[in-house]
Amino acid sequence: MNGIHDMGGMHGFGEVTHEENEPVFHESWEGRVMGIRRSLVKHGIFEPYNFRFTVESLSPSEYLNSSYYERHLRATENGAIAKGFITREEMDERMEFFRQNPDALPERREDPKESEQIQKITFMLEPLHRDTGATPGFNIGDVVRARNINPQGHTRLPRYIRGKTGIVVKYYGNHDFPDIDMNGNKSEPQPIYSVQFDAEELWGASAEKNQLLFIDMWEGYIEPA
């Protein structure tokens, strides 16, 4: 979908800051949000689309004013409400209780078996390659153009690259295709390539000289130039 999350090439957001030795979680609540999200996936709260689409559907003001894990929290809340696990009124009532009672502790439910399952899912290493037997439609050196498409569901094709021409420089094999349409349908694995774009092709005369950008792109994102 085309939303505020697709920030590549946009101006006005300042420099990207890099924190040396950045921890996985800056606050303990961030890890808890991750655990909650993981534990609720099996209940289908992000179906028929997916979690990324739920995050991308946050309002622009909410998205820009939230940290990474705050977005995860908002998306998880919205998914749970949409699936009927909790109502907005119940959520607001609970939040108000803790505002009025800041020293109160939430109830804990210990479930070692579920905790073990969540940790297993979190740290499970899954190979990216899918041996489908599909033959790639492009070869290294082919000149290709990023398709100018505007899907309503989640997509990994940035807006600033659409319609631009580049060169295939690497082939990775067949990988799962992340896009899901508005009917909840997911496509079969596709060949994925590294495509080289000249900065001037992307940004015009304002681009820095002698700059190249390499973007990993599924076959469905490109066409012969």
Protein backbone atom coordinates (compact mmCIF):
# COMPACT_ATOMS: atom_id res chain seq x y z
CA MET A 1 0.00 0.00 0.00
CA ASN A 2 1.07 3.61 -0.48
CA GLY A 3 1.38 5.12 2.99
CA ILE A 4 3.54 7.24 5.24
CA HIS A 5 5.67 4.18 6.10
CA ASP A 6 7.16 4.23 2.57
CA MET A 7 9.60 7.03 3.41
CA GLY A 8 12.41 6.26 0.96
CA GLY A 9 13.45 9.38 -0.92
CA MET A 10 11.25 11.71 1.11
CA HIS A 11 12.63 14.95 2.53
CA GLY A 12 12.22 16.59 5.92
CA PHE A 13 12.87 13.72 8.34
CA GLY A 14 16.48 14.55 9.17
CA GLU A 15 19.50 12.30 9.24
CA VAL A 16 19.26 8.64 10.15
CA THR A 17 21.00 8.24 13.50
CA HIS A 18 23.08 5.15 14.25
CA GLU A 19 23.45 4.09 17.87
CA GLU A 20 26.71 2.28 18.56
CA ASN A 21 26.19 -1.11 20.24
CA GLU A 22 22.44 -0.57 20.14
CA PRO A 23 20.57 -3.10 22.33
CA VAL A 24 17.79 -5.27 20.95
CA PHE A 25 15.37 -3.62 23.40
CA HIS A 26 15.87 -0.20 24.97
CA GLU A 27 13.14 -0.83 27.55
CA SER A 28 11.80 -4.06 29.06
CA TRP A 29 8.27 -3.32 27.80
CA GLU A 30 9.53 -3.56 24.20
CA GLY A 31 10.47 -7.19 24.69
CA ARG A 32 7.08 -7.86 26.26
CA VAL A 33 5.33 -6.32 23.23
CA MET A 34 7.33 -8.62 20.97
CA GLY A 35 6.34 -11.63 23.06
CA ILE A 36 2.65 -10.65 23.07
CA ARG A 37 2.64 -10.18 19.30
CA ARG A 38 4.33 -13.52 18.74
CA SER A 39 1.93 -15.34 21.07
CA LEU A 40 -1.14 -13.87 19.37
CA VAL A 41 -0.10 -14.72 15.82
CA LYS A 42 -1.44 -18.27 16.20
CA HIS A 43 -4.88 -16.77 16.89
CA GLY A 44 -4.92 -15.15 13.45
CA ILE A 45 -5.30 -11.56 14.64
CA PHE A 46 -3.44 -10.27 11.57
CA GLU A 47 -5.28 -12.36 9.00
CA PRO A 48 -6.29 -12.25 6.18
CA TYR A 49 -3.49 -9.76 5.45
CA ASN A 50 -0.43 -9.70 7.69
CA PHE A 51 1.24 -7.89 10.56
CA ARG A 52 3.16 -5.48 8.34
CA PHE A 53 -0.05 -4.35 6.66
CA THR A 54 -1.59 -3.69 10.07
CA VAL A 55 1.37 -1.50 11.03
CA GLU A 56 1.24 0.31 7.69
CA SER A 57 -2.47 1.01 8.21
CA LEU A 58 -1.78 3.23 11.25
CA SER A 59 -2.72 6.86 10.66
CA PRO A 60 0.19 9.06 9.46
CA SER A 61 0.27 11.07 12.70
CA GLU A 62 0.22 7.94 14.84
CA TYR A 63 2.91 6.24 12.73
CA LEU A 64 5.30 9.20 12.74
CA ASN A 65 4.87 9.90 16.45
CA SER A 66 5.46 6.30 17.53
CA SER A 67 8.68 4.41 18.07
CA TYR A 68 9.30 1.05 16.40
CA TYR A 69 7.81 -1.04 19.21
CA GLU A 70 5.05 1.47 19.88
CA ARG A 71 3.91 0.77 16.31
CA HIS A 72 4.03 -2.95 17.09
CA LEU A 73 1.91 -2.31 20.18
CA ARG A 74 -0.67 -0.20 18.33
CA ALA A 75 -0.93 -2.75 15.53
CA THR A 76 -1.36 -5.61 18.01
CA GLU A 77 -4.07 -3.70 19.87
CA ASN A 78 -5.90 -2.91 16.63
CA GLY A 79 -5.65 -6.52 15.47
CA ALA A 80 -6.99 -7.89 18.77
CA ILE A 81 -9.89 -5.42 18.69
CA ALA A 82 -10.69 -6.18 15.04
CA LYS A 83 -10.83 -9.92 15.82
CA GLY A 84 -13.07 -9.37 18.86
CA PHE A 85 -10.61 -10.56 21.53
CA ILE A 86 -11.10 -7.27 23.35
CA THR A 87 -13.19 -4.15 22.77
CA ARG A 88 -11.89 -0.62 22.50
CA GLU A 89 -13.93 0.26 25.60
CA GLU A 90 -12.31 -2.52 27.60
CA MET A 91 -8.88 -1.38 26.44
CA ASP A 92 -9.58 2.23 27.39
CA GLU A 93 -10.98 1.19 30.77
CA ARG A 94 -7.89 -0.87 31.55
CA MET A 95 -5.58 1.96 30.50
CA GLU A 96 -7.46 4.42 32.68
CA PHE A 97 -7.17 2.07 35.66
CA PHE A 98 -3.35 2.07 35.41
CA ARG A 99 -3.29 5.84 34.94
CA GLN A 100 -5.20 6.18 38.19
CA ASN A 101 -3.13 3.45 39.88
CA PRO A 102 0.44 3.80 38.58
CA ASP A 103 1.83 1.41 41.20
CA ALA A 104 -0.60 -1.38 40.32
CA LEU A 105 0.85 -4.48 38.66
CA PRO A 106 -0.93 -6.38 35.90
CA GLU A 107 -1.93 -9.94 36.60
CA ARG A 108 0.55 -12.57 35.39
CA ARG A 109 -0.33 -15.94 33.91
CA GLU A 110 2.58 -18.36 33.91
CA ASP A 111 2.58 -20.82 31.00
CA PRO A 112 6.03 -22.41 30.61
CA LYS A 113 4.93 -24.47 27.59
CA GLU A 114 3.69 -21.45 25.66
CA SER A 115 6.75 -19.44 26.70
CA GLU A 116 8.97 -22.18 25.31
CA GLN A 117 7.00 -22.22 22.04
CA ILE A 118 7.34 -18.44 21.63
CA GLN A 119 11.08 -18.58 22.24
CA LYS A 120 11.40 -21.41 19.74
CA ILE A 121 9.55 -19.40 17.08
CA THR A 122 11.58 -16.28 17.85
CA PHE A 123 14.98 -17.93 17.52
CA MET A 124 14.13 -20.48 14.84
CA LEU A 125 16.43 -20.22 11.82
CA GLU A 126 14.46 -20.84 8.64
CA PRO A 127 16.21 -21.06 5.26
CA LEU A 128 15.13 -18.35 2.83
CA HIS A 129 15.57 -20.36 -0.35
CA ARG A 130 12.59 -22.31 -1.72
CA ASP A 131 13.42 -25.14 -4.13
CA THR A 132 10.40 -24.74 -6.43
CA GLY A 133 12.17 -25.66 -9.65
CA ALA A 134 11.08 -22.38 -11.22
CA THR A 135 13.38 -20.97 -13.91
CA PRO A 136 14.34 -17.30 -13.45
CA GLY A 137 12.95 -14.99 -16.09
CA PHE A 138 15.95 -12.66 -16.05
CA ASN A 139 19.70 -13.10 -16.30
CA ILE A 140 22.61 -11.15 -14.85
CA GLY A 141 23.22 -8.13 -17.07
CA ASP A 142 19.58 -7.76 -18.18
CA VAL A 143 18.24 -4.20 -18.23
CA VAL A 144 14.94 -4.12 -16.33
CA ARG A 145 12.37 -1.60 -15.20
CA ALA A 146 10.62 -1.59 -11.83
CA ARG A 147 6.91 -1.97 -12.45
CA ASN A 148 4.74 1.07 -11.75
CA ILE A 149 2.16 -0.63 -9.56
CA ASN A 150 0.17 0.59 -6.57
CA PRO A 151 -1.04 -2.48 -4.65
CA GLN A 152 -3.48 -1.92 -1.81
CA GLY A 153 -1.93 -4.61 0.37
CA HIS A 154 1.59 -4.91 1.78
CA THR A 155 4.42 -4.64 -0.75
CA ARG A 156 8.22 -4.40 -0.57
CA LEU A 157 8.39 -2.34 -3.80
CA PRO A 158 9.31 1.25 -2.78
CA ARG A 159 7.50 4.10 -4.51
CA TYR A 160 10.67 5.96 -5.43
CA ILE A 161 11.93 3.01 -7.51
CA ARG A 162 8.75 2.40 -9.55
CA GLY A 163 9.17 3.05 -13.25
CA LYS A 164 12.96 3.35 -12.93
CA THR A 165 15.47 1.35 -14.99
CA GLY A 166 18.33 -0.74 -13.62
CA ILE A 167 20.55 -3.76 -14.29
CA VAL A 168 20.29 -7.24 -12.80
CA VAL A 169 23.61 -7.95 -11.03
CA LYS A 170 22.82 -10.99 -8.87
CA TYR A 171 20.34 -13.86 -8.64
CA TYR A 172 19.47 -15.30 -5.20
CA GLY A 173 17.14 -18.15 -6.14
CA ASN A 174 13.45 -18.51 -5.27
CA HIS A 175 12.20 -16.95 -2.04
CA ASP A 176 8.78 -16.49 -0.43
CA PHE A 177 6.92 -13.54 -1.95
CA PRO A 178 5.83 -11.22 0.89
CA ASP A 179 2.98 -9.36 -0.84
CA ILE A 180 -0.58 -10.26 0.13
CA ASP A 181 -3.57 -8.91 -1.79
CA MET A 182 -6.72 -7.46 -0.27
CA ASN A 183 -8.40 -10.87 -0.38
CA GLY A 184 -5.67 -12.32 1.80
CA ASN A 185 -4.11 -14.29 -1.07
CA LYS A 186 -0.35 -14.86 -1.08
CA SER A 187 1.59 -15.69 -4.23
CA GLU A 188 3.95 -18.61 -4.72
CA PRO A 189 7.70 -18.12 -4.12
CA GLN A 190 9.42 -16.10 -6.84
CA PRO A 191 12.97 -15.59 -8.12
CA ILE A 192 14.65 -12.65 -6.41
CA TYR A 193 17.45 -10.50 -7.82
CA SER A 194 19.75 -7.66 -6.83
CA VAL A 195 19.11 -4.78 -9.23
CA GLN A 196 21.59 -1.91 -9.61
CA PHE A 197 20.19 1.59 -10.11
CA ASP A 198 22.17 4.71 -10.93
CA ALA A 199 21.45 7.52 -8.47
CA GLU A 200 20.82 9.97 -11.31
CA GLU A 201 18.16 7.63 -12.72
CA LEU A 202 16.38 7.84 -9.36
CA TRP A 203 16.95 11.44 -8.27
CA GLY A 204 17.78 13.28 -11.50
CA ALA A 205 20.26 16.15 -11.59
CA SER A 206 20.18 16.53 -7.80
CA ALA A 207 21.72 13.08 -7.26
CA GLU A 208 25.26 12.69 -5.94
CA LYS A 209 27.71 11.79 -8.68
CA ASN A 210 29.01 8.22 -9.08
CA GLN A 211 26.45 6.78 -6.65
CA LEU A 212 24.73 3.41 -7.13
CA LEU A 213 21.82 1.85 -5.26
CA PHE A 214 21.30 -1.93 -5.08
CA ILE A 215 17.80 -3.19 -4.29
CA ASP A 216 16.73 -6.82 -3.84
CA MET A 217 13.61 -7.27 -5.96
CA TRP A 218 11.22 -10.17 -6.55
CA GLU A 219 10.55 -11.06 -10.17
CA GLY A 220 7.00 -9.74 -9.93
CA TYR A 221 8.39 -6.27 -9.32
CA ILE A 222 10.35 -5.97 -12.56
CA GLU A 223 9.79 -6.19 -16.31
CA PRO A 224 12.07 -6.00 -19.36
CA ALA A 225 13.09 -2.40 -20.05
